[in-house]
PDB file of all heavy atoms in Angstrom:
ATOM      1  N   ALA A   1       5.285 -71.183-153.117  1.00  0.00           N
ATOM      2  CA  ALA A   1       6.134 -72.101-153.910  1.00  0.00           C
ATOM      3  C   ALA A   1       5.897 -73.465-153.526  1.00  0.00           C
ATOM      4  O   ALA A   1       5.826 -74.414-154.459  1.00  0.00           O
ATOM      5  CB  ALA A   1       7.588 -71.753-153.658  1.00  0.00           C
ATOM      6  N   VAL A   2       5.711 -73.773-152.314  1.00  0.00           N
ATOM      7  CA  VAL A   2       5.316 -75.209-151.901  1.00  0.00           C
ATOM      8  C   VAL A   2       4.084 -75.666-152.479  1.00  0.00           C
ATOM      9  O   VAL A   2       3.949 -76.869-152.997  1.00  0.00           O
ATOM     10  CB  VAL A   2       5.347 -75.367-150.407  1.00  0.00           C
ATOM     11  CG1 VAL A   2       4.703 -76.583-149.877  1.00  0.00           C
ATOM     12  CG2 VAL A   2       6.658 -74.993-149.794  1.00  0.00           C
ATOM     13  N   LEU A   3       3.055 -74.781-152.595  1.00  0.00           N
ATOM     14  CA  LEU A   3       1.712 -75.131-153.120  1.00  0.00           C
ATOM     15  C   LEU A   3       1.824 -75.402-154.558  1.00  0.00           C
ATOM     16  O   LEU A   3       1.290 -76.386-155.138  1.00  0.00           O
ATOM     17  CB  LEU A   3       0.751 -74.017-152.828  1.00  0.00           C
ATOM     18  CG  LEU A   3       0.233 -73.847-151.363  1.00  0.00           C
ATOM     19  CD1 LEU A   3      -0.709 -72.673-151.408  1.00  0.00           C
ATOM     20  CD2 LEU A   3      -0.594 -75.040-150.999  1.00  0.00           C
ATOM     21  N   ALA A   4       2.689 -74.498-155.282  1.00  0.00           N
ATOM     22  CA  ALA A   4       2.792 -74.655-156.776  1.00  0.00           C
ATOM     23  C   ALA A   4       3.541 -75.905-157.047  1.00  0.00           C
ATOM     24  O   ALA A   4       3.237 -76.661-157.988  1.00  0.00           O
ATOM     25  CB  ALA A   4       3.510 -73.441-157.241  1.00  0.00           C
ATOM     26  N   LEU A   5       4.625 -76.271-156.274  1.00  0.00           N
ATOM     27  CA  LEU A   5       5.318 -77.538-156.420  1.00  0.00           C
ATOM     28  C   LEU A   5       4.429 -78.703-156.281  1.00  0.00           C
ATOM     29  O   LEU A   5       4.509 -79.780-156.994  1.00  0.00           O
ATOM     30  CB  LEU A   5       6.543 -77.495-155.664  1.00  0.00           C
ATOM     31  CG  LEU A   5       7.662 -76.650-155.871  1.00  0.00           C
ATOM     32  CD1 LEU A   5       8.756 -76.626-154.895  1.00  0.00           C
ATOM     33  CD2 LEU A   5       8.286 -77.005-157.383  1.00  0.00           C
ATOM     34  N   ALA A   6       3.581 -78.616-155.198  1.00  0.00           N
ATOM     35  CA  ALA A   6       2.755 -79.717-154.901  1.00  0.00           C
ATOM     36  C   ALA A   6       1.738 -79.955-155.966  1.00  0.00           C
ATOM     37  O   ALA A   6       1.477 -81.115-156.395  1.00  0.00           O
ATOM     38  CB  ALA A   6       1.994 -79.558-153.480  1.00  0.00           C
ATOM     39  N   VAL A   7       1.129 -78.900-156.351  1.00  0.00           N
ATOM     40  CA  VAL A   7       0.103 -79.189-157.630  1.00  0.00           C
ATOM     41  C   VAL A   7       0.888 -79.415-158.780  1.00  0.00           C
ATOM     42  O   VAL A   7       0.327 -80.217-159.604  1.00  0.00           O
ATOM     43  CB  VAL A   7      -0.685 -77.780-157.672  1.00  0.00           C
ATOM     44  CG1 VAL A   7      -1.660 -77.804-158.874  1.00  0.00           C
ATOM     45  CG2 VAL A   7      -1.495 -77.525-156.418  1.00  0.00           C
ATOM     46  N   GLY A   8       2.012 -78.803-159.123  1.00  0.00           N
ATOM     47  CA  GLY A   8       2.710 -79.064-160.299  1.00  0.00           C
ATOM     48  C   GLY A   8       3.139 -80.448-160.470  1.00  0.00           C
ATOM     49  O   GLY A   8       3.333 -80.946-161.576  1.00  0.00           O
ATOM     50  N   SER A   9       3.400 -81.157-159.408  1.00  0.00           N
ATOM     51  CA  SER A   9       3.839 -82.524-159.443  1.00  0.00           C
ATOM     52  C   SER A   9       2.777 -83.411-160.015  1.00  0.00           C
ATOM     53  O   SER A   9       3.040 -84.496-160.615  1.00  0.00           O
ATOM     54  CB  SER A   9       4.180 -83.102-158.019  1.00  0.00           C
ATOM     55  OG  SER A   9       3.044 -83.157-157.219  1.00  0.00           O
ATOM     56  N   ARG A  10       1.447 -82.920-160.093  1.00  0.00           N
ATOM     57  CA  ARG A  10       0.396 -83.715-160.719  1.00  0.00           C
ATOM     58  C   ARG A  10       0.005 -83.138-161.998  1.00  0.00           C
ATOM     59  O   ARG A  10      -0.455 -83.782-162.934  1.00  0.00           O
ATOM     60  CB  ARG A  10      -0.834 -83.655-159.711  1.00  0.00           C
ATOM     61  CG  ARG A  10      -0.483 -84.405-158.389  1.00  0.00           C
ATOM     62  CD  ARG A  10      -1.734 -84.363-157.498  1.00  0.00           C
ATOM     63  NE  ARG A  10      -1.437 -85.057-156.160  1.00  0.00           N
ATOM     64  CZ  ARG A  10      -1.764 -86.454-156.100  1.00  0.00           C
ATOM     65  NH1 ARG A  10      -2.286 -87.094-157.161  1.00  0.00           N
ATOM     66  NH2 ARG A  10      -1.523 -87.043-155.015  1.00  0.00           N
ATOM     67  N   ASN A  11       0.081 -81.762-162.180  1.00  0.00           N
ATOM     68  CA  ASN A  11      -0.403 -81.064-163.368  1.00  0.00           C
ATOM     69  C   ASN A  11       0.556 -79.920-163.535  1.00  0.00           C
ATOM     70  O   ASN A  11       0.407 -78.910-162.729  1.00  0.00           O
ATOM     71  CB  ASN A  11      -1.826 -80.723-163.277  1.00  0.00           C
ATOM     72  CG  ASN A  11      -2.405 -80.095-164.534  1.00  0.00           C
ATOM     73  OD1 ASN A  11      -1.779 -79.278-165.128  1.00  0.00           O
ATOM     74  ND2 ASN A  11      -3.424 -80.655-165.012  1.00  0.00           N
ATOM     75  N   ARG A  12       1.443 -79.925-164.396  1.00  0.00           N
ATOM     76  CA  ARG A  12       2.413 -78.818-164.562  1.00  0.00           C
ATOM     77  C   ARG A  12       1.843 -77.410-164.937  1.00  0.00           C
ATOM     78  O   ARG A  12       2.141 -76.582-164.323  1.00  0.00           O
ATOM     79  CB  ARG A  12       3.358 -79.191-165.733  1.00  0.00           C
ATOM     80  CG  ARG A  12       4.495 -78.098-165.820  1.00  0.00           C
ATOM     81  CD  ARG A  12       5.580 -78.520-166.843  1.00  0.00           C
ATOM     82  NE  ARG A  12       6.207 -79.813-166.360  1.00  0.00           N
ATOM     83  CZ  ARG A  12       7.209 -80.387-167.173  1.00  0.00           C
ATOM     84  NH1 ARG A  12       7.506 -79.978-168.250  1.00  0.00           N
ATOM     85  NH2 ARG A  12       7.801 -81.512-166.597  1.00  0.00           N
ATOM     86  N   LEU A  13       0.725 -77.502-165.717  1.00  0.00           N
ATOM     87  CA  LEU A  13       0.102 -76.240-166.136  1.00  0.00           C
ATOM     88  C   LEU A  13      -0.605 -75.522-164.960  1.00  0.00           C
ATOM     89  O   LEU A  13      -0.535 -74.424-164.685  1.00  0.00           O
ATOM     90  CB  LEU A  13      -0.797 -76.446-167.230  1.00  0.00           C
ATOM     91  CG  LEU A  13      -1.625 -75.193-167.776  1.00  0.00           C
ATOM     92  CD1 LEU A  13      -0.742 -74.014-168.059  1.00  0.00           C
ATOM     93  CD2 LEU A  13      -2.669 -75.551-168.759  1.00  0.00           C
ATOM     94  N   LEU A  14      -1.310 -76.523-164.079  1.00  0.00           N
ATOM     95  CA  LEU A  14      -2.060 -76.020-162.972  1.00  0.00           C
ATOM     96  C   LEU A  14      -1.029 -75.428-161.843  1.00  0.00           C
ATOM     97  O   LEU A  14      -1.287 -74.535-161.279  1.00  0.00           O
ATOM     98  CB  LEU A  14      -2.835 -77.144-162.301  1.00  0.00           C
ATOM     99  CG  LEU A  14      -3.851 -76.716-161.344  1.00  0.00           C
ATOM    100  CD1 LEU A  14      -4.779 -75.649-161.903  1.00  0.00           C
ATOM    101  CD2 LEU A  14      -4.704 -77.975-160.910  1.00  0.00           C
ATOM    102  N   GLY A  15       0.210 -76.115-161.806  1.00  0.00           N
ATOM    103  CA  GLY A  15       1.150 -75.580-160.964  1.00  0.00           C
ATOM    104  C   GLY A  15       1.735 -74.300-161.218  1.00  0.00           C
ATOM    105  O   GLY A  15       1.851 -73.471-160.372  1.00  0.00           O
ATOM    106  N   VAL A  16       1.917 -74.040-162.521  1.00  0.00           N
ATOM    107  CA  VAL A  16       2.258 -72.661-163.036  1.00  0.00           C
ATOM    108  C   VAL A  16       1.196 -71.690-162.732  1.00  0.00           C
ATOM    109  O   VAL A  16       1.487 -70.566-162.235  1.00  0.00           O
ATOM    110  CB  VAL A  16       2.587 -72.712-164.561  1.00  0.00           C
ATOM    111  CG1 VAL A  16       2.760 -71.400-165.002  1.00  0.00           C
ATOM    112  CG2 VAL A  16       3.666 -73.648-164.833  1.00  0.00           C
ATOM    113  N   LEU A  17       0.027 -72.109-162.926  1.00  0.00           N
ATOM    114  CA  LEU A  17      -1.001 -71.179-162.482  1.00  0.00           C
ATOM    115  C   LEU A  17      -1.168 -70.774-161.039  1.00  0.00           C
ATOM    116  O   LEU A  17      -1.467 -69.536-160.739  1.00  0.00           O
ATOM    117  CB  LEU A  17      -2.457 -71.749-162.945  1.00  0.00           C
ATOM    118  CG  LEU A  17      -2.726 -71.810-164.558  1.00  0.00           C
ATOM    119  CD1 LEU A  17      -4.033 -72.516-164.830  1.00  0.00           C
ATOM    120  CD2 LEU A  17      -2.697 -70.500-165.189  1.00  0.00           C
ATOM    121  N   VAL A  18      -0.897 -71.783-160.272  1.00  0.00           N
ATOM    122  CA  VAL A  18      -0.931 -71.476-158.800  1.00  0.00           C
ATOM    123  C   VAL A  18       0.155 -70.599-158.573  1.00  0.00           C
ATOM    124  O   VAL A  18       0.184 -69.659-157.515  1.00  0.00           O
ATOM    125  CB  VAL A  18      -0.766 -72.797-158.000  1.00  0.00           C
ATOM    126  CG1 VAL A  18      -0.509 -72.632-156.461  1.00  0.00           C
ATOM    127  CG2 VAL A  18      -2.026 -73.659-158.123  1.00  0.00           C
ATOM    128  N   ALA A  19       1.477 -70.793-159.117  1.00  0.00           N
ATOM    129  CA  ALA A  19       2.548 -69.989-158.764  1.00  0.00           C
ATOM    130  C   ALA A  19       2.278 -68.529-159.280  1.00  0.00           C
ATOM    131  O   ALA A  19       2.575 -67.564-158.561  1.00  0.00           O
ATOM    132  CB  ALA A  19       3.824 -70.550-159.511  1.00  0.00           C
ATOM    133  N   VAL A  20       1.786 -68.241-160.361  1.00  0.00           N
ATOM    134  CA  VAL A  20       1.506 -67.041-160.818  1.00  0.00           C
ATOM    135  C   VAL A  20       0.368 -66.371-160.112  1.00  0.00           C
ATOM    136  O   VAL A  20       0.494 -65.157-159.627  1.00  0.00           O
ATOM    137  CB  VAL A  20       0.935 -66.944-162.427  1.00  0.00           C
ATOM    138  CG1 VAL A  20       0.415 -65.697-162.837  1.00  0.00           C
ATOM    139  CG2 VAL A  20       2.130 -67.510-163.237  1.00  0.00           C
ATOM    140  N   GLY A  21      -0.754 -67.148-159.635  1.00  0.00           N
ATOM    141  CA  GLY A  21      -1.712 -66.543-158.809  1.00  0.00           C
ATOM    142  C   GLY A  21      -1.308 -66.146-157.437  1.00  0.00           C
ATOM    143  O   GLY A  21      -1.658 -65.108-156.974  1.00  0.00           O
ATOM    144  N   SER A  22      -0.405 -66.936-156.823  1.00  0.00           N
ATOM    145  CA  SER A  22       0.096 -66.724-155.588  1.00  0.00           C
ATOM    146  C   SER A  22       0.935 -65.502-155.478  1.00  0.00           C
ATOM    147  O   SER A  22       0.766 -64.562-154.763  1.00  0.00           O
ATOM    148  CB  SER A  22       0.887 -68.010-155.120  1.00  0.00           C
ATOM    149  OG  SER A  22       0.116 -69.080-154.902  1.00  0.00           O
ATOM    150  N   GLY A  23       1.701 -65.356-156.629  1.00  0.00           N
ATOM    151  CA  GLY A  23       2.662 -64.203-156.742  1.00  0.00           C
ATOM    152  C   GLY A  23       1.814 -62.899-156.975  1.00  0.00           C
ATOM    153  O   GLY A  23       2.145 -61.828-156.311  1.00  0.00           O
ATOM    154  N   ALA A  24       0.654 -62.987-157.665  1.00  0.00           N
ATOM    155  CA  ALA A  24      -0.162 -61.800-157.982  1.00  0.00           C
ATOM    156  C   ALA A  24      -0.736 -61.371-156.725  1.00  0.00           C
ATOM    157  O   ALA A  24      -0.951 -60.228-156.392  1.00  0.00           O
ATOM    158  CB  ALA A  24      -1.130 -62.184-159.051  1.00  0.00           C
ATOM    159  N   LEU A  25      -1.340 -62.301-155.902  1.00  0.00           N
ATOM    160  CA  LEU A  25      -2.008 -62.066-154.613  1.00  0.00           C
ATOM    161  C   LEU A  25      -1.013 -61.555-153.612  1.00  0.00           C
ATOM    162  O   LEU A  25      -1.369 -60.508-152.988  1.00  0.00           O
ATOM    163  CB  LEU A  25      -2.660 -63.288-154.094  1.00  0.00           C
ATOM    164  CG  LEU A  25      -3.956 -63.715-154.695  1.00  0.00           C
ATOM    165  CD1 LEU A  25      -4.461 -65.078-154.018  1.00  0.00           C
ATOM    166  CD2 LEU A  25      -4.925 -62.727-154.554  1.00  0.00           C
ATOM    167  N   ILE A  26       0.179 -61.925-153.543  1.00  0.00           N
ATOM    168  CA  ILE A  26       1.220 -61.485-152.601  1.00  0.00           C
ATOM    169  C   ILE A  26       1.540 -60.053-153.107  1.00  0.00           C
ATOM    170  O   ILE A  26       1.727 -59.074-152.264  1.00  0.00           O
ATOM    171  CB  ILE A  26       2.340 -62.326-152.529  1.00  0.00           C
ATOM    172  CG1 ILE A  26       1.919 -63.722-151.935  1.00  0.00           C
ATOM    173  CG2 ILE A  26       3.474 -61.692-151.633  1.00  0.00           C
ATOM    174  CD1 ILE A  26       3.089 -64.686-152.008  1.00  0.00           C
ATOM    175  N   TYR A  27       1.691 -59.763-154.349  1.00  0.00           N
ATOM    176  CA  TYR A  27       2.040 -58.467-154.999  1.00  0.00           C
ATOM    177  C   TYR A  27       0.977 -57.439-154.550  1.00  0.00           C
ATOM    178  O   TYR A  27       1.136 -56.333-154.131  1.00  0.00           O
ATOM    179  CB  TYR A  27       2.228 -58.446-156.427  1.00  0.00           C
ATOM    180  CG  TYR A  27       2.568 -57.118-156.921  1.00  0.00           C
ATOM    181  CD1 TYR A  27       3.724 -56.548-156.844  1.00  0.00           C
ATOM    182  CD2 TYR A  27       1.517 -56.539-157.632  1.00  0.00           C
ATOM    183  CE1 TYR A  27       4.087 -55.237-157.392  1.00  0.00           C
ATOM    184  CE2 TYR A  27       1.722 -55.240-158.202  1.00  0.00           C
ATOM    185  CZ  TYR A  27       3.069 -54.583-158.095  1.00  0.00           C
ATOM    186  OH  TYR A  27       3.272 -53.504-158.624  1.00  0.00           O
TER     187      TYR A  27
END
């Protein structure tokens, strides 16, 4: 979540991708 927020503050779409990718890896 911290990584997604940090990336999303610069690029919202990329932040969403980081959040989805992180969730998928953790799953």
